[in-house]
Amino acid sequence: MDIIISNTSKDPIYQQIIKQIKELVLKGELLEGDSLPSIRQLAKDLQVSVITTKRAYEELENEGFIVSIVGKGSFIASQNQELLKERRLKIIEEKICEIIDESKLIHFSKEELIELINILYGDDPE
């Protein structure tokens, strides 16, 4: 499991950890039952405070992404596939909104954007 902490990110370190673990779960790179590094080990690996990694794990557990078992560690929780799909759809919607906002800034029309999507999707008739 590779987590990269950016000192230039506007997000706090614990949120960067949460975001990256969630992405690994959503992409299917971390599966139900997979073990996570201990809080201390992750803190050591990332060279951050144990408090930071503890907070990230607690929030992931509260959101149902991981389960922690005393004396055994933290593991990826069973995920409802429909819920995972819904979360991924939300991510897509947020990115599309960003693209639309950027397109409007340069006066890129909806039709031009749709044409670009078709080309990138491989649906261009040419």
N, C-alpha and C. Protein backbone atom coordinates (compact mmCIF):
# COMPACT_ATOMS: atom_id res chain seq x y z
N MET A 1 0.85 -1.17 0.00
CA MET A 1 0.00 0.00 0.00
C MET A 1 0.90 1.23 0.00
N ASP A 2 0.80 1.99 -1.06
CA ASP A 2 1.61 3.21 -1.17
C ASP A 2 0.76 4.44 -0.89
N ILE A 3 1.13 5.15 0.15
CA ILE A 3 0.48 6.41 0.48
C ILE A 3 1.55 7.48 0.38
N ILE A 4 1.23 8.53 -0.34
CA ILE A 4 2.19 9.62 -0.54
C ILE A 4 1.63 10.88 0.10
N ILE A 5 2.40 11.42 1.01
CA ILE A 5 2.00 12.63 1.71
C ILE A 5 2.65 13.83 1.02
N SER A 6 1.84 14.82 0.74
CA SER A 6 2.34 16.03 0.09
C SER A 6 2.35 17.18 1.10
N ASN A 7 3.49 17.76 1.28
CA ASN A 7 3.60 18.91 2.18
C ASN A 7 3.01 20.17 1.55
N THR A 8 2.81 20.14 0.24
CA THR A 8 2.26 21.31 -0.44
C THR A 8 0.74 21.25 -0.58
N SER A 9 0.15 20.11 -0.20
CA SER A 9 -1.30 19.96 -0.30
C SER A 9 -1.99 20.86 0.72
N LYS A 10 -3.16 21.36 0.34
CA LYS A 10 -3.95 22.17 1.28
C LYS A 10 -4.68 21.28 2.28
N ASP A 11 -4.76 19.97 1.99
CA ASP A 11 -5.44 19.03 2.89
C ASP A 11 -4.52 18.63 4.03
N PRO A 12 -5.08 18.53 5.25
CA PRO A 12 -4.28 18.03 6.36
C PRO A 12 -3.79 16.61 6.07
N ILE A 13 -2.72 16.22 6.73
CA ILE A 13 -2.11 14.91 6.47
C ILE A 13 -3.10 13.77 6.72
N TYR A 14 -3.86 13.84 7.81
CA TYR A 14 -4.79 12.74 8.09
C TYR A 14 -5.83 12.60 6.98
N GLN A 15 -6.24 13.73 6.38
CA GLN A 15 -7.21 13.66 5.28
C GLN A 15 -6.57 13.09 4.02
N GLN A 16 -5.31 13.37 3.80
CA GLN A 16 -4.60 12.78 2.66
C GLN A 16 -4.55 11.26 2.81
N ILE A 17 -4.30 10.79 4.03
CA ILE A 17 -4.27 9.35 4.29
C ILE A 17 -5.65 8.74 4.02
N ILE A 18 -6.67 9.36 4.57
CA ILE A 18 -8.05 8.88 4.40
C ILE A 18 -8.40 8.81 2.91
N LYS A 19 -8.14 9.88 2.21
CA LYS A 19 -8.50 9.96 0.78
C LYS A 19 -7.81 8.86 -0.01
N GLN A 20 -6.54 8.64 0.25
CA GLN A 20 -5.80 7.64 -0.53
C GLN A 20 -6.24 6.21 -0.20
N ILE A 21 -6.55 5.94 1.06
CA ILE A 21 -7.04 4.60 1.41
C ILE A 21 -8.42 4.37 0.79
N LYS A 22 -9.27 5.37 0.84
CA LYS A 22 -10.59 5.26 0.21
C LYS A 22 -10.45 4.98 -1.29
N GLU A 23 -9.55 5.71 -1.95
CA GLU A 23 -9.35 5.51 -3.38
C GLU A 23 -8.89 4.10 -3.69
N LEU A 24 -8.01 3.56 -2.84
CA LEU A 24 -7.53 2.19 -3.04
C LEU A 24 -8.67 1.19 -2.88
N VAL A 25 -9.58 1.45 -1.95
CA VAL A 25 -10.75 0.58 -1.76
C VAL A 25 -11.69 0.70 -2.96
N LEU A 26 -11.97 1.94 -3.37
CA LEU A 26 -12.89 2.17 -4.48
C LEU A 26 -12.38 1.59 -5.79
N LYS A 27 -11.05 1.60 -5.97
CA LYS A 27 -10.45 1.05 -7.18
C LYS A 27 -10.34 -0.47 -7.11
N GLY A 28 -10.60 -1.04 -5.94
CA GLY A 28 -10.48 -2.48 -5.80
C GLY A 28 -9.07 -2.96 -5.55
N GLU A 29 -8.17 -2.04 -5.23
CA GLU A 29 -6.79 -2.43 -4.94
C GLU A 29 -6.64 -2.91 -3.50
N LEU A 30 -7.53 -2.47 -2.63
CA LEU A 30 -7.62 -3.00 -1.28
C LEU A 30 -8.98 -3.69 -1.16
N LEU A 31 -8.95 -4.95 -0.77
CA LEU A 31 -10.18 -5.75 -0.73
C LEU A 31 -10.57 -6.11 0.69
N GLU A 32 -11.81 -6.52 0.84
CA GLU A 32 -12.31 -6.93 2.14
C GLU A 32 -11.35 -7.92 2.81
N GLY A 33 -11.01 -7.63 4.05
CA GLY A 33 -10.14 -8.51 4.81
C GLY A 33 -8.67 -8.18 4.70
N ASP A 34 -8.28 -7.36 3.73
CA ASP A 34 -6.87 -6.97 3.62
C ASP A 34 -6.47 -6.22 4.88
N SER A 35 -5.30 -6.53 5.38
CA SER A 35 -4.83 -5.85 6.59
C SER A 35 -4.11 -4.56 6.23
N LEU A 36 -4.25 -3.61 7.10
CA LEU A 36 -3.56 -2.33 6.96
C LEU A 36 -2.38 -2.32 7.91
N PRO A 37 -1.39 -1.49 7.63
CA PRO A 37 -0.28 -1.38 8.58
C PRO A 37 -0.81 -0.91 9.94
N SER A 38 -0.12 -1.26 11.00
CA SER A 38 -0.53 -0.76 12.31
C SER A 38 -0.43 0.77 12.30
N ILE A 39 -1.12 1.38 13.23
CA ILE A 39 -1.08 2.85 13.33
C ILE A 39 0.36 3.31 13.50
N ARG A 40 1.10 2.63 14.36
CA ARG A 40 2.50 3.01 14.61
C ARG A 40 3.37 2.80 13.38
N GLN A 41 3.15 1.68 12.70
CA GLN A 41 3.96 1.38 11.52
C GLN A 41 3.71 2.39 10.41
N LEU A 42 2.43 2.73 10.18
CA LEU A 42 2.11 3.71 9.14
C LEU A 42 2.70 5.07 9.49
N ALA A 43 2.61 5.45 10.76
CA ALA A 43 3.19 6.72 11.18
C ALA A 43 4.70 6.73 10.92
N LYS A 44 5.35 5.62 11.23
CA LYS A 44 6.80 5.51 11.00
C LYS A 44 7.11 5.58 9.51
N ASP A 45 6.35 4.81 8.70
CA ASP A 45 6.58 4.79 7.26
C ASP A 45 6.41 6.16 6.62
N LEU A 46 5.38 6.89 7.07
CA LEU A 46 5.08 8.20 6.48
C LEU A 46 5.83 9.33 7.18
N GLN A 47 6.50 8.99 8.27
CA GLN A 47 7.21 9.98 9.08
C GLN A 47 6.28 11.09 9.56
N VAL A 48 5.14 10.64 10.12
CA VAL A 48 4.17 11.56 10.70
C VAL A 48 3.85 11.10 12.11
N SER A 49 3.07 11.89 12.80
CA SER A 49 2.70 11.59 14.18
C SER A 49 1.74 10.39 14.24
N VAL A 50 1.88 9.61 15.30
CA VAL A 50 0.96 8.49 15.55
C VAL A 50 -0.47 9.04 15.71
N ILE A 51 -0.60 10.21 16.29
CA ILE A 51 -1.91 10.84 16.47
C ILE A 51 -2.58 11.08 15.11
N THR A 52 -1.79 11.46 14.14
CA THR A 52 -2.31 11.72 12.78
C THR A 52 -2.85 10.44 12.16
N THR A 53 -2.08 9.35 12.23
CA THR A 53 -2.54 8.10 11.63
C THR A 53 -3.72 7.52 12.42
N LYS A 54 -3.70 7.70 13.74
CA LYS A 54 -4.82 7.22 14.56
C LYS A 54 -6.11 7.94 14.16
N ARG A 55 -6.02 9.23 13.95
CA ARG A 55 -7.21 10.00 13.55
C ARG A 55 -7.73 9.53 12.19
N ALA A 56 -6.81 9.27 11.25
CA ALA A 56 -7.22 8.80 9.93
C ALA A 56 -7.93 7.45 10.04
N TYR A 57 -7.37 6.53 10.80
CA TYR A 57 -7.97 5.21 10.96
C TYR A 57 -9.33 5.31 11.65
N GLU A 58 -9.44 6.17 12.66
CA GLU A 58 -10.72 6.33 13.36
C GLU A 58 -11.80 6.83 12.41
N GLU A 59 -11.44 7.80 11.58
CA GLU A 59 -12.44 8.32 10.63
C GLU A 59 -12.81 7.28 9.58
N LEU A 60 -11.82 6.53 9.10
CA LEU A 60 -12.11 5.46 8.14
C LEU A 60 -13.02 4.41 8.76
N GLU A 61 -12.81 4.13 10.03
CA GLU A 61 -13.66 3.16 10.72
C GLU A 61 -15.07 3.71 10.89
N ASN A 62 -15.19 4.98 11.27
CA ASN A 62 -16.50 5.62 11.42
C ASN A 62 -17.29 5.63 10.11
N GLU A 63 -16.57 5.72 8.99
CA GLU A 63 -17.23 5.74 7.68
C GLU A 63 -17.45 4.34 7.12
N GLY A 64 -17.00 3.32 7.85
CA GLY A 64 -17.26 1.95 7.43
C GLY A 64 -16.27 1.38 6.42
N PHE A 65 -15.15 2.04 6.24
CA PHE A 65 -14.16 1.55 5.29
C PHE A 65 -13.24 0.49 5.91
N ILE A 66 -12.99 0.63 7.22
CA ILE A 66 -12.13 -0.35 7.89
C ILE A 66 -12.77 -0.80 9.19
N VAL A 67 -12.29 -1.94 9.68
CA VAL A 67 -12.67 -2.41 11.02
C VAL A 67 -11.37 -2.65 11.77
N SER A 68 -11.39 -2.30 13.05
CA SER A 68 -10.22 -2.52 13.89
C SER A 68 -10.57 -3.55 14.94
N ILE A 69 -9.68 -4.51 15.11
CA ILE A 69 -9.87 -5.57 16.09
C ILE A 69 -8.72 -5.48 17.08
N VAL A 70 -9.08 -5.27 18.34
CA VAL A 70 -8.06 -5.10 19.38
C VAL A 70 -7.14 -6.32 19.38
N GLY A 71 -5.86 -6.05 19.35
CA GLY A 71 -4.85 -7.10 19.39
C GLY A 71 -4.55 -7.74 18.05
N LYS A 72 -5.35 -7.41 17.03
CA LYS A 72 -5.12 -8.01 15.71
C LYS A 72 -4.78 -6.98 14.65
N GLY A 73 -5.36 -5.79 14.74
CA GLY A 73 -5.06 -4.76 13.77
C GLY A 73 -6.28 -4.21 13.08
N SER A 74 -6.03 -3.51 11.97
CA SER A 74 -7.10 -2.89 11.18
C SER A 74 -7.17 -3.55 9.81
N PHE A 75 -8.41 -3.75 9.36
CA PHE A 75 -8.65 -4.47 8.12
C PHE A 75 -9.69 -3.74 7.29
N ILE A 76 -9.63 -3.97 5.98
CA ILE A 76 -10.64 -3.39 5.09
C ILE A 76 -11.97 -4.08 5.38
N ALA A 77 -12.99 -3.28 5.57
CA ALA A 77 -14.32 -3.79 5.91
C ALA A 77 -15.04 -4.28 4.66
N SER A 78 -16.03 -5.11 4.89
CA SER A 78 -16.90 -5.55 3.81
C SER A 78 -17.59 -4.32 3.24
N GLN A 79 -17.60 -4.22 1.92
CA GLN A 79 -18.18 -3.04 1.28
C GLN A 79 -19.43 -3.43 0.49
N ASN A 80 -20.46 -2.65 0.65
CA ASN A 80 -21.67 -2.82 -0.14
C ASN A 80 -21.35 -2.33 -1.56
N GLN A 81 -21.42 -3.22 -2.54
CA GLN A 81 -21.03 -2.87 -3.90
C GLN A 81 -21.87 -1.73 -4.48
N GLU A 82 -23.14 -1.69 -4.14
CA GLU A 82 -24.00 -0.61 -4.63
C GLU A 82 -23.57 0.72 -4.02
N LEU A 83 -23.20 0.68 -2.75
CA LEU A 83 -22.73 1.89 -2.08
C LEU A 83 -21.40 2.34 -2.66
N LEU A 84 -20.51 1.40 -2.95
CA LEU A 84 -19.24 1.74 -3.58
C LEU A 84 -19.47 2.39 -4.94
N LYS A 85 -20.39 1.82 -5.72
CA LYS A 85 -20.70 2.38 -7.03
C LYS A 85 -21.23 3.80 -6.87
N GLU A 86 -22.08 4.01 -5.88
CA GLU A 86 -22.64 5.34 -5.65
C GLU A 86 -21.55 6.34 -5.26
N ARG A 87 -20.61 5.90 -4.44
CA ARG A 87 -19.50 6.78 -4.04
C ARG A 87 -18.64 7.13 -5.25
N ARG A 88 -18.39 6.15 -6.10
CA ARG A 88 -17.57 6.42 -7.29
C ARG A 88 -18.31 7.37 -8.23
N LEU A 89 -19.62 7.19 -8.35
CA LEU A 89 -20.43 8.08 -9.19
C LEU A 89 -20.35 9.51 -8.66
N LYS A 90 -20.36 9.66 -7.35
CA LYS A 90 -20.24 11.00 -6.76
C LYS A 90 -18.90 11.62 -7.12
N ILE A 91 -17.84 10.83 -7.09
CA ILE A 91 -16.51 11.33 -7.46
C ILE A 91 -16.51 11.79 -8.92
N ILE A 92 -17.12 10.97 -9.79
CA ILE A 92 -17.20 11.32 -11.21
C ILE A 92 -17.97 12.64 -11.39
N GLU A 93 -19.09 12.77 -10.68
CA GLU A 93 -19.90 13.98 -10.79
C GLU A 93 -19.10 15.21 -10.36
N GLU A 94 -18.33 15.08 -9.28
CA GLU A 94 -17.52 16.21 -8.82
C GLU A 94 -16.48 16.60 -9.86
N LYS A 95 -15.86 15.61 -10.47
CA LYS A 95 -14.84 15.89 -11.49
C LYS A 95 -15.48 16.52 -12.73
N ILE A 96 -16.65 16.04 -13.11
CA ILE A 96 -17.34 16.62 -14.26
C ILE A 96 -17.70 18.09 -13.98
N CYS A 97 -18.13 18.37 -12.76
CA CYS A 97 -18.44 19.77 -12.41
C CYS A 97 -17.20 20.64 -12.53
N GLU A 98 -16.05 20.13 -12.10
CA GLU A 98 -14.80 20.88 -12.25
C GLU A 98 -14.50 21.12 -13.73
N ILE A 99 -14.70 20.10 -14.56
CA ILE A 99 -14.43 20.22 -16.00
C ILE A 99 -15.37 21.25 -16.63
N ILE A 100 -16.64 21.21 -16.23
CA ILE A 100 -17.61 22.16 -16.77
C ILE A 100 -17.21 23.58 -16.38
N ASP A 101 -16.83 23.77 -15.12
CA ASP A 101 -16.40 25.11 -14.67
C ASP A 101 -15.20 25.59 -15.46
N GLU A 102 -14.21 24.72 -15.65
CA GLU A 102 -13.02 25.08 -16.43
C GLU A 102 -13.40 25.41 -17.87
N SER A 103 -14.30 24.62 -18.44
CA SER A 103 -14.73 24.84 -19.83
C SER A 103 -15.40 26.19 -19.99
N LYS A 104 -16.21 26.55 -19.02
CA LYS A 104 -16.90 27.84 -19.08
C LYS A 104 -15.92 29.00 -19.01
N LEU A 105 -14.85 28.81 -18.25
CA LEU A 105 -13.84 29.87 -18.13
C LEU A 105 -13.20 30.21 -19.46
N ILE A 106 -13.06 29.21 -20.32
CA ILE A 106 -12.43 29.46 -21.63
C ILE A 106 -13.45 29.48 -22.76
N HIS A 107 -14.74 29.60 -22.39
CA HIS A 107 -15.84 29.69 -23.35
C HIS A 107 -15.88 28.47 -24.29
N PHE A 108 -15.61 27.31 -23.72
CA PHE A 108 -15.67 26.04 -24.44
C PHE A 108 -17.10 25.55 -24.33
N SER A 109 -17.80 25.44 -25.46
CA SER A 109 -19.23 25.14 -25.43
C SER A 109 -19.52 23.71 -24.98
N LYS A 110 -20.75 23.50 -24.59
CA LYS A 110 -21.20 22.16 -24.18
C LYS A 110 -21.02 21.18 -25.34
N GLU A 111 -21.34 21.62 -26.54
CA GLU A 111 -21.20 20.77 -27.72
C GLU A 111 -19.75 20.38 -27.95
N GLU A 112 -18.84 21.36 -27.79
CA GLU A 112 -17.41 21.08 -27.95
C GLU A 112 -16.93 20.11 -26.87
N LEU A 113 -17.44 20.27 -25.66
CA LEU A 113 -17.07 19.38 -24.56
C LEU A 113 -17.57 17.96 -24.82
N ILE A 114 -18.80 17.85 -25.30
CA ILE A 114 -19.36 16.53 -25.62
C ILE A 114 -18.56 15.89 -26.76
N GLU A 115 -18.19 16.68 -27.75
CA GLU A 115 -17.38 16.16 -28.85
C GLU A 115 -16.03 15.65 -28.33
N LEU A 116 -15.42 16.41 -27.44
CA LEU A 116 -14.15 16.00 -26.85
C LEU A 116 -14.31 14.69 -26.06
N ILE A 117 -15.37 14.59 -25.30
CA ILE A 117 -15.64 13.36 -24.53
C ILE A 117 -15.80 12.18 -25.49
N ASN A 118 -16.55 12.39 -26.57
CA ASN A 118 -16.75 11.31 -27.55
C ASN A 118 -15.42 10.86 -28.16
N ILE A 119 -14.56 11.81 -28.46
CA ILE A 119 -13.24 11.48 -29.02
C ILE A 119 -12.43 10.68 -28.01
N LEU A 120 -12.38 11.17 -26.79
CA LEU A 120 -11.58 10.51 -25.76
C LEU A 120 -12.16 9.14 -25.37
N TYR A 121 -13.45 9.01 -25.48
CA TYR A 121 -14.13 7.74 -25.16
C TYR A 121 -13.95 6.72 -26.30
N GLY A 122 -13.54 7.25 -27.46
CA GLY A 122 -13.37 6.38 -28.62
C GLY A 122 -14.63 6.27 -29.46
N ASP A 123 -15.55 7.20 -29.27
CA ASP A 123 -16.81 7.17 -30.01
C ASP A 123 -16.82 8.14 -31.19
N ASP A 124 -15.67 8.70 -31.54
CA ASP A 124 -15.59 9.66 -32.63
C ASP A 124 -15.80 8.91 -33.96
N PRO A 125 -16.75 9.36 -34.78
CA PRO A 125 -17.05 8.66 -36.05
C PRO A 125 -15.93 8.77 -37.08
N GLU A 126 -14.97 9.66 -36.88
CA GLU A 126 -13.90 9.83 -37.89
C GLU A 126 -12.90 8.73 -37.81
